[in-house]
N, C-alpha and C. Protein backbone atom coordinates (compact mmCIF):
# COMPACT_ATOMS: atom_id res chain seq x y z
N MET A 1 -33.75 10.80 -3.37
CA MET A 1 -32.54 11.60 -3.14
C MET A 1 -31.49 10.71 -2.49
N GLY A 2 -30.22 11.00 -2.78
CA GLY A 2 -29.15 10.18 -2.25
C GLY A 2 -28.72 9.12 -3.24
N LEU A 3 -27.80 8.28 -2.81
CA LEU A 3 -27.23 7.26 -3.71
C LEU A 3 -28.18 6.08 -3.87
N PRO A 4 -28.19 5.49 -5.08
CA PRO A 4 -28.96 4.26 -5.27
C PRO A 4 -28.18 3.06 -4.75
N LEU A 5 -28.87 1.95 -4.51
CA LEU A 5 -28.18 0.69 -4.28
C LEU A 5 -27.78 0.14 -5.64
N ILE A 6 -26.53 -0.25 -5.78
CA ILE A 6 -25.97 -0.58 -7.09
C ILE A 6 -25.81 -2.09 -7.22
N SER A 7 -26.53 -2.66 -8.17
CA SER A 7 -26.45 -4.10 -8.42
C SER A 7 -25.12 -4.46 -9.06
N SER A 8 -24.72 -5.70 -8.86
CA SER A 8 -23.46 -6.18 -9.42
C SER A 8 -23.52 -6.21 -10.94
N TYR A 9 -22.45 -5.77 -11.57
CA TYR A 9 -22.30 -5.91 -13.02
C TYR A 9 -20.81 -6.01 -13.31
N ARG A 10 -20.48 -6.37 -14.53
CA ARG A 10 -19.08 -6.43 -14.92
C ARG A 10 -18.90 -5.82 -16.30
N LEU A 11 -17.94 -4.91 -16.42
CA LEU A 11 -17.65 -4.27 -17.68
C LEU A 11 -16.91 -5.24 -18.59
N PRO A 12 -17.38 -5.43 -19.83
CA PRO A 12 -16.65 -6.29 -20.77
C PRO A 12 -15.42 -5.56 -21.30
N ALA A 13 -14.35 -5.55 -20.53
CA ALA A 13 -13.18 -4.73 -20.83
C ALA A 13 -12.54 -5.09 -22.16
N GLU A 14 -12.73 -6.33 -22.60
CA GLU A 14 -12.13 -6.74 -23.87
C GLU A 14 -12.79 -6.03 -25.05
N ASP A 15 -13.94 -5.39 -24.82
CA ASP A 15 -14.66 -4.71 -25.90
C ASP A 15 -14.44 -3.21 -25.90
N LEU A 16 -13.45 -2.71 -25.17
CA LEU A 16 -13.20 -1.28 -25.15
C LEU A 16 -12.81 -0.80 -26.54
N PRO A 17 -13.27 0.39 -26.91
CA PRO A 17 -12.94 0.90 -28.25
C PRO A 17 -11.46 1.24 -28.36
N VAL A 18 -10.94 1.12 -29.57
CA VAL A 18 -9.56 1.56 -29.83
C VAL A 18 -9.54 3.08 -29.73
N PRO A 19 -8.63 3.66 -28.94
CA PRO A 19 -8.63 5.13 -28.78
C PRO A 19 -8.56 5.84 -30.12
N ARG A 20 -9.31 6.94 -30.23
CA ARG A 20 -9.30 7.71 -31.48
C ARG A 20 -8.17 8.72 -31.52
N VAL A 21 -7.45 8.88 -30.41
CA VAL A 21 -6.28 9.76 -30.37
C VAL A 21 -5.04 8.92 -30.13
N ASN A 22 -3.90 9.44 -30.52
CA ASN A 22 -2.66 8.65 -30.41
C ASN A 22 -1.85 8.98 -29.17
N TRP A 23 -2.52 9.48 -28.12
CA TRP A 23 -1.83 9.76 -26.87
C TRP A 23 -1.31 8.46 -26.25
N LYS A 24 -0.16 8.55 -25.61
CA LYS A 24 0.40 7.43 -24.87
C LYS A 24 0.75 7.90 -23.46
N ALA A 25 0.35 7.11 -22.48
CA ALA A 25 0.68 7.46 -21.10
C ALA A 25 2.19 7.44 -20.93
N ASP A 26 2.72 8.51 -20.37
CA ASP A 26 4.17 8.72 -20.26
C ASP A 26 4.51 8.90 -18.78
N ALA A 27 5.44 8.10 -18.29
CA ALA A 27 5.79 8.15 -16.87
C ALA A 27 6.30 9.52 -16.45
N SER A 28 6.87 10.29 -17.36
CA SER A 28 7.41 11.61 -17.01
C SER A 28 6.35 12.70 -17.03
N ARG A 29 5.15 12.38 -17.53
CA ARG A 29 4.10 13.40 -17.69
C ARG A 29 2.84 13.10 -16.89
N ALA A 30 2.66 11.88 -16.44
CA ALA A 30 1.36 11.42 -15.93
C ALA A 30 1.20 11.64 -14.43
N VAL A 31 -0.07 11.75 -14.05
CA VAL A 31 -0.52 11.70 -12.66
C VAL A 31 -1.62 10.65 -12.58
N LEU A 32 -1.62 9.84 -11.53
CA LEU A 32 -2.69 8.88 -11.29
C LEU A 32 -3.70 9.50 -10.35
N LEU A 33 -4.96 9.59 -10.81
CA LEU A 33 -6.04 10.10 -9.99
C LEU A 33 -6.91 8.95 -9.50
N ILE A 34 -7.07 8.85 -8.18
CA ILE A 34 -7.96 7.88 -7.55
C ILE A 34 -9.14 8.68 -7.02
N HIS A 35 -10.25 8.59 -7.71
CA HIS A 35 -11.34 9.54 -7.58
C HIS A 35 -12.45 9.01 -6.66
N ASP A 36 -12.62 9.67 -5.51
CA ASP A 36 -13.78 9.47 -4.63
C ASP A 36 -13.96 8.04 -4.14
N MET A 37 -12.88 7.32 -3.90
CA MET A 37 -13.01 5.94 -3.44
C MET A 37 -13.20 5.89 -1.92
N GLN A 38 -14.22 6.61 -1.47
CA GLN A 38 -14.58 6.65 -0.05
C GLN A 38 -15.63 5.59 0.26
N ARG A 39 -15.64 5.13 1.49
CA ARG A 39 -16.57 4.07 1.87
C ARG A 39 -18.02 4.46 1.62
N TYR A 40 -18.33 5.73 1.77
CA TYR A 40 -19.70 6.19 1.54
C TYR A 40 -20.17 5.81 0.14
N PHE A 41 -19.29 5.94 -0.84
CA PHE A 41 -19.64 5.61 -2.23
C PHE A 41 -19.49 4.12 -2.51
N ILE A 42 -18.47 3.50 -1.95
CA ILE A 42 -18.21 2.08 -2.22
C ILE A 42 -19.28 1.21 -1.57
N ASP A 43 -19.78 1.62 -0.41
CA ASP A 43 -20.79 0.81 0.28
C ASP A 43 -22.11 0.74 -0.46
N ALA A 44 -22.31 1.60 -1.45
CA ALA A 44 -23.55 1.55 -2.25
C ALA A 44 -23.57 0.34 -3.18
N PHE A 45 -22.41 -0.26 -3.44
CA PHE A 45 -22.31 -1.37 -4.38
C PHE A 45 -22.59 -2.71 -3.70
N ASP A 46 -23.21 -3.62 -4.45
CA ASP A 46 -23.27 -5.03 -4.06
C ASP A 46 -21.91 -5.63 -4.33
N GLN A 47 -21.20 -6.01 -3.28
CA GLN A 47 -19.83 -6.52 -3.42
C GLN A 47 -19.74 -8.01 -3.11
N ALA A 48 -20.87 -8.71 -3.11
CA ALA A 48 -20.86 -10.13 -2.78
C ALA A 48 -20.07 -10.94 -3.80
N ASP A 49 -20.12 -10.54 -5.07
CA ASP A 49 -19.42 -11.25 -6.14
C ASP A 49 -18.03 -10.62 -6.30
N PRO A 50 -16.95 -11.37 -6.06
CA PRO A 50 -15.61 -10.79 -6.21
C PRO A 50 -15.26 -10.41 -7.64
N GLN A 51 -16.10 -10.87 -8.60
CA GLN A 51 -15.89 -10.49 -10.00
C GLN A 51 -16.77 -9.32 -10.42
N SER A 52 -17.45 -8.69 -9.46
CA SER A 52 -18.25 -7.52 -9.79
C SER A 52 -17.33 -6.36 -10.15
N GLN A 53 -17.87 -5.38 -10.86
CA GLN A 53 -17.03 -4.30 -11.37
C GLN A 53 -16.35 -3.51 -10.27
N ILE A 54 -17.02 -3.25 -9.16
CA ILE A 54 -16.39 -2.47 -8.11
C ILE A 54 -15.19 -3.22 -7.52
N CYS A 55 -15.31 -4.53 -7.37
CA CYS A 55 -14.18 -5.32 -6.85
C CYS A 55 -13.03 -5.35 -7.85
N LEU A 56 -13.35 -5.49 -9.13
CA LEU A 56 -12.31 -5.48 -10.16
C LEU A 56 -11.67 -4.11 -10.27
N ALA A 57 -12.48 -3.05 -10.11
CA ALA A 57 -11.94 -1.70 -10.17
C ALA A 57 -10.92 -1.47 -9.06
N ILE A 58 -11.24 -1.90 -7.86
CA ILE A 58 -10.30 -1.76 -6.74
C ILE A 58 -9.01 -2.51 -7.03
N GLU A 59 -9.14 -3.72 -7.54
CA GLU A 59 -7.95 -4.51 -7.89
C GLU A 59 -7.11 -3.81 -8.95
N ASN A 60 -7.78 -3.26 -9.98
CA ASN A 60 -7.06 -2.59 -11.06
C ASN A 60 -6.43 -1.29 -10.59
N ILE A 61 -7.09 -0.57 -9.70
CA ILE A 61 -6.49 0.65 -9.16
C ILE A 61 -5.23 0.31 -8.37
N ARG A 62 -5.26 -0.77 -7.64
CA ARG A 62 -4.06 -1.19 -6.90
C ARG A 62 -2.93 -1.52 -7.87
N THR A 63 -3.24 -2.18 -8.99
CA THR A 63 -2.25 -2.47 -10.01
C THR A 63 -1.64 -1.18 -10.56
N LEU A 64 -2.49 -0.20 -10.84
CA LEU A 64 -2.01 1.07 -11.38
C LEU A 64 -1.19 1.83 -10.34
N ARG A 65 -1.60 1.75 -9.09
CA ARG A 65 -0.83 2.44 -8.05
C ARG A 65 0.56 1.82 -7.92
N ASP A 66 0.65 0.50 -8.02
CA ASP A 66 1.96 -0.15 -8.00
C ASP A 66 2.81 0.29 -9.19
N ALA A 67 2.17 0.36 -10.37
CA ALA A 67 2.88 0.79 -11.58
C ALA A 67 3.32 2.24 -11.44
N ALA A 68 2.49 3.08 -10.84
CA ALA A 68 2.85 4.48 -10.61
C ALA A 68 4.05 4.58 -9.67
N ASP A 69 4.05 3.78 -8.64
CA ASP A 69 5.19 3.78 -7.70
C ASP A 69 6.48 3.40 -8.43
N GLU A 70 6.39 2.38 -9.25
CA GLU A 70 7.58 1.91 -9.98
C GLU A 70 8.09 2.98 -10.95
N ALA A 71 7.16 3.74 -11.52
CA ALA A 71 7.52 4.73 -12.53
C ALA A 71 7.77 6.12 -11.95
N GLY A 72 7.61 6.29 -10.64
CA GLY A 72 7.80 7.60 -10.04
C GLY A 72 6.70 8.59 -10.37
N ILE A 73 5.49 8.08 -10.57
CA ILE A 73 4.34 8.90 -10.94
C ILE A 73 3.59 9.34 -9.68
N PRO A 74 3.28 10.63 -9.55
CA PRO A 74 2.51 11.08 -8.38
C PRO A 74 1.11 10.47 -8.36
N VAL A 75 0.62 10.20 -7.17
CA VAL A 75 -0.73 9.65 -6.97
C VAL A 75 -1.55 10.68 -6.20
N VAL A 76 -2.71 11.03 -6.77
CA VAL A 76 -3.59 12.02 -6.16
C VAL A 76 -4.95 11.39 -5.89
N TYR A 77 -5.46 11.58 -4.69
CA TYR A 77 -6.80 11.13 -4.32
C TYR A 77 -7.72 12.36 -4.24
N THR A 78 -9.00 12.14 -4.55
CA THR A 78 -10.01 13.11 -4.16
C THR A 78 -10.89 12.48 -3.09
N ALA A 79 -11.37 13.32 -2.18
CA ALA A 79 -12.25 12.86 -1.11
C ALA A 79 -13.17 14.00 -0.72
N GLN A 80 -14.47 13.74 -0.76
CA GLN A 80 -15.42 14.76 -0.35
C GLN A 80 -15.44 14.87 1.17
N PRO A 81 -15.55 16.08 1.70
CA PRO A 81 -15.53 16.25 3.16
C PRO A 81 -16.90 15.93 3.76
N PRO A 82 -16.92 15.46 5.01
CA PRO A 82 -18.19 15.23 5.69
C PRO A 82 -18.78 16.52 6.24
N ASN A 83 -20.08 16.46 6.53
CA ASN A 83 -20.76 17.56 7.23
C ASN A 83 -20.54 18.90 6.53
N GLN A 84 -20.76 18.91 5.21
CA GLN A 84 -20.56 20.15 4.46
C GLN A 84 -21.61 21.20 4.83
N ARG A 85 -21.19 22.43 4.89
CA ARG A 85 -22.13 23.52 5.08
C ARG A 85 -23.02 23.65 3.85
N PRO A 86 -24.27 24.03 4.02
CA PRO A 86 -25.16 24.20 2.86
C PRO A 86 -24.57 25.13 1.80
N SER A 87 -23.86 26.16 2.22
CA SER A 87 -23.28 27.09 1.25
C SER A 87 -22.16 26.45 0.45
N ASP A 88 -21.46 25.47 1.03
CA ASP A 88 -20.40 24.76 0.32
C ASP A 88 -20.98 23.69 -0.60
N ARG A 89 -21.98 22.99 -0.10
CA ARG A 89 -22.57 21.90 -0.90
C ARG A 89 -23.45 22.45 -2.02
N ALA A 90 -24.16 23.52 -1.75
CA ALA A 90 -24.92 24.26 -2.75
C ALA A 90 -25.85 23.35 -3.55
N LEU A 91 -25.76 23.37 -4.88
CA LEU A 91 -26.72 22.67 -5.74
C LEU A 91 -26.64 21.15 -5.62
N LEU A 92 -25.52 20.63 -5.14
CA LEU A 92 -25.42 19.18 -4.97
C LEU A 92 -26.51 18.65 -4.05
N THR A 93 -26.91 19.46 -3.08
CA THR A 93 -27.94 19.03 -2.14
C THR A 93 -29.25 18.72 -2.86
N ASP A 94 -29.57 19.50 -3.88
CA ASP A 94 -30.84 19.31 -4.59
C ASP A 94 -30.90 17.96 -5.29
N PHE A 95 -29.75 17.44 -5.72
CA PHE A 95 -29.71 16.17 -6.44
C PHE A 95 -29.39 14.99 -5.53
N TRP A 96 -28.55 15.21 -4.50
CA TRP A 96 -27.98 14.08 -3.75
C TRP A 96 -28.19 14.17 -2.24
N GLY A 97 -28.88 15.17 -1.77
CA GLY A 97 -29.06 15.30 -0.33
C GLY A 97 -27.84 15.89 0.35
N GLY A 98 -27.77 15.66 1.64
CA GLY A 98 -26.74 16.30 2.46
C GLY A 98 -25.35 15.74 2.32
N GLY A 99 -25.20 14.56 1.73
CA GLY A 99 -23.86 14.00 1.51
C GLY A 99 -23.30 13.27 2.70
N LEU A 100 -21.99 13.26 2.80
CA LEU A 100 -21.29 12.46 3.79
C LEU A 100 -21.41 13.07 5.19
N THR A 101 -21.40 12.19 6.19
CA THR A 101 -21.27 12.60 7.57
C THR A 101 -19.97 12.01 8.12
N ASP A 102 -19.64 12.35 9.36
CA ASP A 102 -18.39 11.85 9.95
C ASP A 102 -18.65 10.55 10.71
N ASP A 103 -19.24 9.57 10.01
CA ASP A 103 -19.56 8.28 10.62
C ASP A 103 -18.52 7.21 10.29
N GLY A 104 -17.40 7.61 9.74
CA GLY A 104 -16.34 6.68 9.35
C GLY A 104 -16.35 6.36 7.88
N ARG A 105 -17.50 6.53 7.23
CA ARG A 105 -17.59 6.20 5.81
C ARG A 105 -17.01 7.29 4.91
N GLU A 106 -16.58 8.38 5.51
CA GLU A 106 -15.90 9.41 4.72
C GLU A 106 -14.46 9.00 4.40
N GLU A 107 -13.96 7.95 5.04
CA GLU A 107 -12.59 7.49 4.83
C GLU A 107 -12.45 6.77 3.48
N ILE A 108 -11.25 6.89 2.88
CA ILE A 108 -10.94 6.10 1.69
C ILE A 108 -11.01 4.62 2.06
N THR A 109 -11.58 3.81 1.15
CA THR A 109 -11.68 2.38 1.43
C THR A 109 -10.31 1.81 1.80
N ALA A 110 -10.30 0.92 2.78
CA ALA A 110 -9.04 0.42 3.35
C ALA A 110 -8.16 -0.26 2.30
N ASP A 111 -8.77 -0.81 1.26
CA ASP A 111 -7.99 -1.47 0.20
C ASP A 111 -7.10 -0.50 -0.56
N LEU A 112 -7.42 0.79 -0.46
CA LEU A 112 -6.69 1.80 -1.24
C LEU A 112 -6.23 2.96 -0.37
N SER A 113 -6.00 2.72 0.89
CA SER A 113 -5.65 3.82 1.80
C SER A 113 -4.46 4.62 1.26
N PRO A 114 -4.56 5.95 1.27
CA PRO A 114 -3.42 6.77 0.82
C PRO A 114 -2.19 6.54 1.68
N ARG A 115 -1.04 6.64 1.02
CA ARG A 115 0.24 6.58 1.73
C ARG A 115 0.73 7.99 2.04
N GLU A 116 1.76 8.09 2.82
CA GLU A 116 2.28 9.40 3.23
C GLU A 116 2.73 10.22 2.03
N SER A 117 3.21 9.56 0.99
CA SER A 117 3.72 10.27 -0.19
C SER A 117 2.61 10.71 -1.14
N ASP A 118 1.38 10.25 -0.93
CA ASP A 118 0.28 10.58 -1.82
C ASP A 118 -0.32 11.94 -1.45
N THR A 119 -1.00 12.54 -2.42
CA THR A 119 -1.70 13.80 -2.20
C THR A 119 -3.20 13.54 -2.13
N VAL A 120 -3.86 14.09 -1.13
CA VAL A 120 -5.32 13.96 -0.98
C VAL A 120 -5.93 15.35 -1.11
N LEU A 121 -6.78 15.54 -2.11
CA LEU A 121 -7.45 16.81 -2.34
C LEU A 121 -8.88 16.76 -1.81
N THR A 122 -9.29 17.82 -1.16
CA THR A 122 -10.69 17.92 -0.75
C THR A 122 -11.53 18.24 -1.98
N LYS A 123 -12.56 17.44 -2.20
CA LYS A 123 -13.36 17.50 -3.43
C LYS A 123 -14.69 18.18 -3.15
N TRP A 124 -15.06 19.17 -4.00
CA TRP A 124 -16.25 19.96 -3.76
C TRP A 124 -17.32 19.80 -4.84
N ARG A 125 -16.92 19.43 -6.04
CA ARG A 125 -17.87 19.34 -7.16
C ARG A 125 -17.56 18.08 -7.97
N TYR A 126 -18.32 17.82 -9.01
CA TYR A 126 -18.10 16.62 -9.80
C TYR A 126 -16.65 16.55 -10.31
N SER A 127 -16.15 17.64 -10.87
CA SER A 127 -14.80 17.64 -11.41
C SER A 127 -13.76 17.76 -10.30
N ALA A 128 -12.70 16.99 -10.42
CA ALA A 128 -11.60 17.08 -9.46
C ALA A 128 -10.85 18.39 -9.56
N PHE A 129 -11.08 19.15 -10.64
CA PHE A 129 -10.42 20.45 -10.81
C PHE A 129 -11.20 21.59 -10.15
N ALA A 130 -12.50 21.41 -9.93
CA ALA A 130 -13.35 22.49 -9.46
C ALA A 130 -13.06 22.82 -7.99
N LYS A 131 -12.67 24.06 -7.74
CA LYS A 131 -12.42 24.55 -6.39
C LYS A 131 -11.29 23.79 -5.68
N THR A 132 -10.36 23.23 -6.46
CA THR A 132 -9.18 22.57 -5.88
C THR A 132 -7.93 23.15 -6.54
N LYS A 133 -6.78 22.72 -6.06
CA LYS A 133 -5.49 23.17 -6.59
C LYS A 133 -4.90 22.15 -7.58
N LEU A 134 -5.73 21.25 -8.12
CA LEU A 134 -5.19 20.17 -8.94
C LEU A 134 -4.43 20.71 -10.15
N GLN A 135 -5.01 21.64 -10.89
CA GLN A 135 -4.33 22.14 -12.08
C GLN A 135 -3.02 22.83 -11.72
N GLU A 136 -3.03 23.67 -10.70
CA GLU A 136 -1.81 24.36 -10.29
C GLU A 136 -0.75 23.37 -9.83
N TRP A 137 -1.19 22.37 -9.08
CA TRP A 137 -0.26 21.35 -8.58
C TRP A 137 0.37 20.59 -9.74
N MET A 138 -0.45 20.21 -10.74
CA MET A 138 0.09 19.49 -11.89
C MET A 138 1.06 20.37 -12.67
N HIS A 139 0.72 21.63 -12.85
CA HIS A 139 1.60 22.54 -13.59
C HIS A 139 2.95 22.67 -12.89
N GLU A 140 2.91 22.83 -11.57
CA GLU A 140 4.16 22.97 -10.83
C GLU A 140 5.00 21.70 -10.90
N ALA A 141 4.33 20.55 -11.00
CA ALA A 141 5.03 19.27 -11.09
C ALA A 141 5.46 18.94 -12.51
N GLY A 142 5.08 19.78 -13.48
CA GLY A 142 5.44 19.53 -14.88
C GLY A 142 4.69 18.35 -15.48
N ARG A 143 3.44 18.16 -15.05
CA ARG A 143 2.64 17.01 -15.48
C ARG A 143 1.43 17.49 -16.27
N ASP A 144 1.15 16.83 -17.42
CA ASP A 144 0.03 17.24 -18.25
C ASP A 144 -0.80 16.05 -18.76
N GLN A 145 -0.71 14.93 -18.05
CA GLN A 145 -1.56 13.77 -18.33
C GLN A 145 -2.21 13.32 -17.03
N LEU A 146 -3.50 12.92 -17.12
CA LEU A 146 -4.22 12.49 -15.93
C LEU A 146 -4.87 11.14 -16.19
N MET A 147 -4.44 10.13 -15.45
CA MET A 147 -5.01 8.79 -15.56
C MET A 147 -6.14 8.68 -14.53
N ILE A 148 -7.38 8.57 -15.01
CA ILE A 148 -8.55 8.71 -14.15
C ILE A 148 -9.13 7.36 -13.78
N THR A 149 -9.20 7.10 -12.48
CA THR A 149 -9.78 5.86 -11.95
C THR A 149 -10.77 6.23 -10.85
N GLY A 150 -11.63 5.27 -10.47
CA GLY A 150 -12.49 5.49 -9.32
C GLY A 150 -13.97 5.44 -9.65
N VAL A 151 -14.77 6.18 -8.89
CA VAL A 151 -16.23 6.23 -9.05
C VAL A 151 -16.67 7.70 -9.06
N TYR A 152 -17.81 7.92 -9.67
CA TYR A 152 -18.59 7.06 -10.56
C TYR A 152 -18.26 7.47 -12.00
N SER A 153 -18.23 6.52 -12.91
CA SER A 153 -17.73 6.80 -14.25
C SER A 153 -18.48 7.94 -14.94
N HIS A 154 -19.82 7.90 -14.88
CA HIS A 154 -20.58 8.87 -15.68
C HIS A 154 -20.80 10.20 -14.97
N ILE A 155 -20.29 10.32 -13.74
CA ILE A 155 -20.46 11.58 -13.01
C ILE A 155 -19.07 12.22 -12.84
N GLY A 156 -18.42 11.97 -11.72
CA GLY A 156 -17.16 12.65 -11.44
C GLY A 156 -16.03 12.28 -12.38
N CYS A 157 -15.92 11.01 -12.74
CA CYS A 157 -14.81 10.60 -13.61
C CYS A 157 -14.92 11.25 -14.98
N LEU A 158 -16.12 11.20 -15.56
CA LEU A 158 -16.32 11.78 -16.88
C LEU A 158 -16.19 13.31 -16.85
N THR A 159 -16.77 13.94 -15.83
CA THR A 159 -16.68 15.39 -15.73
C THR A 159 -15.23 15.83 -15.56
N THR A 160 -14.46 15.09 -14.78
CA THR A 160 -13.04 15.40 -14.62
C THR A 160 -12.30 15.24 -15.94
N ALA A 161 -12.63 14.20 -16.71
CA ALA A 161 -11.98 14.00 -18.01
C ALA A 161 -12.27 15.16 -18.94
N LEU A 162 -13.52 15.57 -19.00
CA LEU A 162 -13.89 16.69 -19.88
C LEU A 162 -13.23 17.98 -19.42
N ASP A 163 -13.19 18.21 -18.12
CA ASP A 163 -12.56 19.41 -17.57
C ASP A 163 -11.06 19.40 -17.86
N ALA A 164 -10.42 18.24 -17.71
CA ALA A 164 -8.99 18.13 -18.03
C ALA A 164 -8.72 18.50 -19.48
N PHE A 165 -9.53 17.95 -20.38
CA PHE A 165 -9.39 18.23 -21.80
C PHE A 165 -9.47 19.73 -22.07
N MET A 166 -10.40 20.40 -21.42
CA MET A 166 -10.59 21.83 -21.63
C MET A 166 -9.48 22.67 -21.01
N ARG A 167 -8.65 22.03 -20.17
CA ARG A 167 -7.49 22.70 -19.57
C ARG A 167 -6.18 22.25 -20.23
N ASP A 168 -6.27 21.56 -21.37
CA ASP A 168 -5.11 21.08 -22.11
C ASP A 168 -4.30 20.05 -21.34
N VAL A 169 -4.99 19.29 -20.49
CA VAL A 169 -4.42 18.12 -19.83
C VAL A 169 -4.99 16.88 -20.52
N GLN A 170 -4.13 15.97 -20.94
CA GLN A 170 -4.59 14.76 -21.63
C GLN A 170 -5.21 13.79 -20.63
N PRO A 171 -6.53 13.52 -20.73
CA PRO A 171 -7.15 12.56 -19.82
C PRO A 171 -7.11 11.14 -20.38
N PHE A 172 -6.71 10.21 -19.54
CA PHE A 172 -6.77 8.78 -19.86
C PHE A 172 -7.88 8.18 -18.98
N PHE A 173 -8.95 7.75 -19.62
CA PHE A 173 -10.14 7.24 -18.95
C PHE A 173 -9.95 5.74 -18.77
N VAL A 174 -9.45 5.33 -17.60
CA VAL A 174 -9.07 3.92 -17.39
C VAL A 174 -10.35 3.16 -17.01
N ALA A 175 -11.03 2.66 -18.02
CA ALA A 175 -12.42 2.22 -17.88
C ALA A 175 -12.59 1.05 -16.93
N ASP A 176 -11.67 0.10 -16.93
CA ASP A 176 -11.83 -1.07 -16.07
C ASP A 176 -11.30 -0.84 -14.66
N ALA A 177 -10.79 0.37 -14.41
CA ALA A 177 -10.40 0.77 -13.05
C ALA A 177 -11.41 1.78 -12.49
N GLN A 178 -12.63 1.69 -13.00
CA GLN A 178 -13.74 2.53 -12.57
C GLN A 178 -14.97 1.66 -12.34
N ALA A 179 -15.96 2.22 -11.66
CA ALA A 179 -17.26 1.57 -11.50
C ALA A 179 -18.34 2.64 -11.51
N ASP A 180 -19.59 2.18 -11.73
CA ASP A 180 -20.67 3.14 -11.95
C ASP A 180 -21.99 2.60 -11.42
N PHE A 181 -23.05 3.39 -11.59
CA PHE A 181 -24.37 2.97 -11.12
C PHE A 181 -24.87 1.72 -11.84
N SER A 182 -24.47 1.57 -13.10
CA SER A 182 -24.94 0.44 -13.90
C SER A 182 -24.01 0.26 -15.09
N LEU A 183 -24.12 -0.89 -15.75
CA LEU A 183 -23.33 -1.12 -16.95
C LEU A 183 -23.68 -0.11 -18.03
N ASP A 184 -24.96 0.19 -18.20
CA ASP A 184 -25.37 1.13 -19.24
C ASP A 184 -24.75 2.51 -19.02
N GLU A 185 -24.74 2.98 -17.78
CA GLU A 185 -24.17 4.29 -17.51
C GLU A 185 -22.65 4.28 -17.63
N HIS A 186 -22.03 3.18 -17.26
CA HIS A 186 -20.58 3.04 -17.43
C HIS A 186 -20.22 3.09 -18.92
N LEU A 187 -20.97 2.37 -19.73
CA LEU A 187 -20.72 2.38 -21.17
C LEU A 187 -21.00 3.75 -21.78
N MET A 188 -22.02 4.43 -21.29
CA MET A 188 -22.29 5.79 -21.77
C MET A 188 -21.10 6.70 -21.52
N ALA A 189 -20.52 6.61 -20.32
CA ALA A 189 -19.36 7.43 -19.99
C ALA A 189 -18.18 7.10 -20.90
N ILE A 190 -17.96 5.82 -21.13
CA ILE A 190 -16.87 5.40 -22.02
C ILE A 190 -17.08 5.96 -23.43
N ASN A 191 -18.30 5.84 -23.94
CA ASN A 191 -18.57 6.29 -25.31
C ASN A 191 -18.45 7.80 -25.44
N TYR A 192 -18.90 8.53 -24.42
CA TYR A 192 -18.78 9.98 -24.48
C TYR A 192 -17.30 10.39 -24.40
N GLY A 193 -16.58 9.81 -23.44
CA GLY A 193 -15.17 10.13 -23.33
C GLY A 193 -14.40 9.80 -24.59
N TYR A 194 -14.69 8.64 -25.17
CA TYR A 194 -14.03 8.22 -26.41
C TYR A 194 -14.28 9.22 -27.53
N GLY A 195 -15.49 9.68 -27.64
CA GLY A 195 -15.84 10.53 -28.76
C GLY A 195 -15.53 11.99 -28.60
N ARG A 196 -15.29 12.45 -27.35
CA ARG A 196 -15.22 13.88 -27.13
C ARG A 196 -13.96 14.39 -26.43
N CYS A 197 -13.36 13.58 -25.55
CA CYS A 197 -12.36 14.25 -24.71
C CYS A 197 -11.26 13.38 -24.14
N ALA A 198 -11.27 12.06 -24.31
CA ALA A 198 -10.34 11.22 -23.56
C ALA A 198 -9.82 10.05 -24.38
N SER A 199 -8.68 9.55 -23.96
CA SER A 199 -8.19 8.26 -24.45
C SER A 199 -8.74 7.19 -23.52
N VAL A 200 -9.67 6.39 -24.02
CA VAL A 200 -10.25 5.31 -23.22
C VAL A 200 -9.27 4.14 -23.25
N ALA A 201 -8.93 3.63 -22.08
CA ALA A 201 -7.88 2.63 -21.98
C ALA A 201 -8.22 1.60 -20.92
N SER A 202 -7.58 0.45 -21.01
CA SER A 202 -7.65 -0.57 -19.96
C SER A 202 -6.44 -0.43 -19.04
N THR A 203 -6.55 -1.02 -17.88
CA THR A 203 -5.42 -1.02 -16.94
C THR A 203 -4.18 -1.62 -17.59
N ARG A 204 -4.35 -2.73 -18.26
CA ARG A 204 -3.21 -3.40 -18.89
C ARG A 204 -2.52 -2.51 -19.91
N SER A 205 -3.32 -1.83 -20.74
CA SER A 205 -2.72 -0.98 -21.77
C SER A 205 -1.98 0.20 -21.15
N ILE A 206 -2.50 0.76 -20.06
CA ILE A 206 -1.82 1.88 -19.40
C ILE A 206 -0.50 1.42 -18.82
N VAL A 207 -0.50 0.26 -18.15
CA VAL A 207 0.74 -0.26 -17.58
C VAL A 207 1.77 -0.50 -18.68
N ASP A 208 1.33 -1.06 -19.80
CA ASP A 208 2.25 -1.31 -20.92
C ASP A 208 2.81 0.00 -21.47
N GLN A 209 1.98 1.02 -21.60
CA GLN A 209 2.44 2.30 -22.11
C GLN A 209 3.45 2.95 -21.17
N LEU A 210 3.21 2.86 -19.87
CA LEU A 210 4.15 3.43 -18.92
C LEU A 210 5.49 2.72 -18.98
N GLN A 211 5.45 1.39 -19.07
CA GLN A 211 6.69 0.64 -19.14
C GLN A 211 7.45 0.97 -20.41
N GLU A 212 6.71 1.14 -21.51
CA GLU A 212 7.35 1.49 -22.77
C GLU A 212 8.01 2.87 -22.69
N SER A 213 7.32 3.81 -22.04
CA SER A 213 7.88 5.15 -21.93
C SER A 213 9.16 5.15 -21.08
N MET A 214 9.19 4.31 -20.03
CA MET A 214 10.38 4.23 -19.20
C MET A 214 11.53 3.60 -19.96
N ALA A 215 11.23 2.57 -20.76
CA ALA A 215 12.27 1.91 -21.54
C ALA A 215 12.85 2.86 -22.58
N THR A 216 11.99 3.66 -23.19
CA THR A 216 12.44 4.61 -24.21
C THR A 216 13.32 5.70 -23.61
N ALA A 217 13.03 6.05 -22.35
CA ALA A 217 13.78 7.12 -21.69
C ALA A 217 15.18 6.70 -21.28
N LEU A 218 15.45 5.39 -21.24
CA LEU A 218 16.77 4.92 -20.80
C LEU A 218 17.85 5.25 -21.83
């Protein structure tokens, strides 16, 4: 029970599939989601190799956050609360134990600390939409695209992508700005998202699409 220790791996980002849908990330429609990048989850990774996927994911998320700032795109974080009551944690306890405590590891990793202008949602389930105001907030902001980054690809990131799709929000699964328990599980999430619910993209392609949308809007 609880999180595994995660060995270093690197996603071969150059081998990402060509998206099967023709969606393009649009600066006027998109939201950047930084999913569960809390120390509790990040500390599970072997980070000795600066080229490991978790280190590259953090670097790519920072690149996307800078691009979002330039494009005027809202940035939303999810963060699970510490010391959850059994009634709030519910079935998660059966799979993952009691979860986070208030030992400092509930904080977002310092490399990606939220800014005053960012939104931080309290996260209760795998999907960032479950028991949160994310959909209502996006609707009020006139946004219907979600660029998904963070951990873990085959759990919260993928579930959020599928949930977004079912709510008519276009999910962009930014594969190299995510990390997972293993390369196999990361690839599984990519393949499922590609085939069922998301535009699988690299950080570079998302930045290019945003810049193109801004140029077109001029």
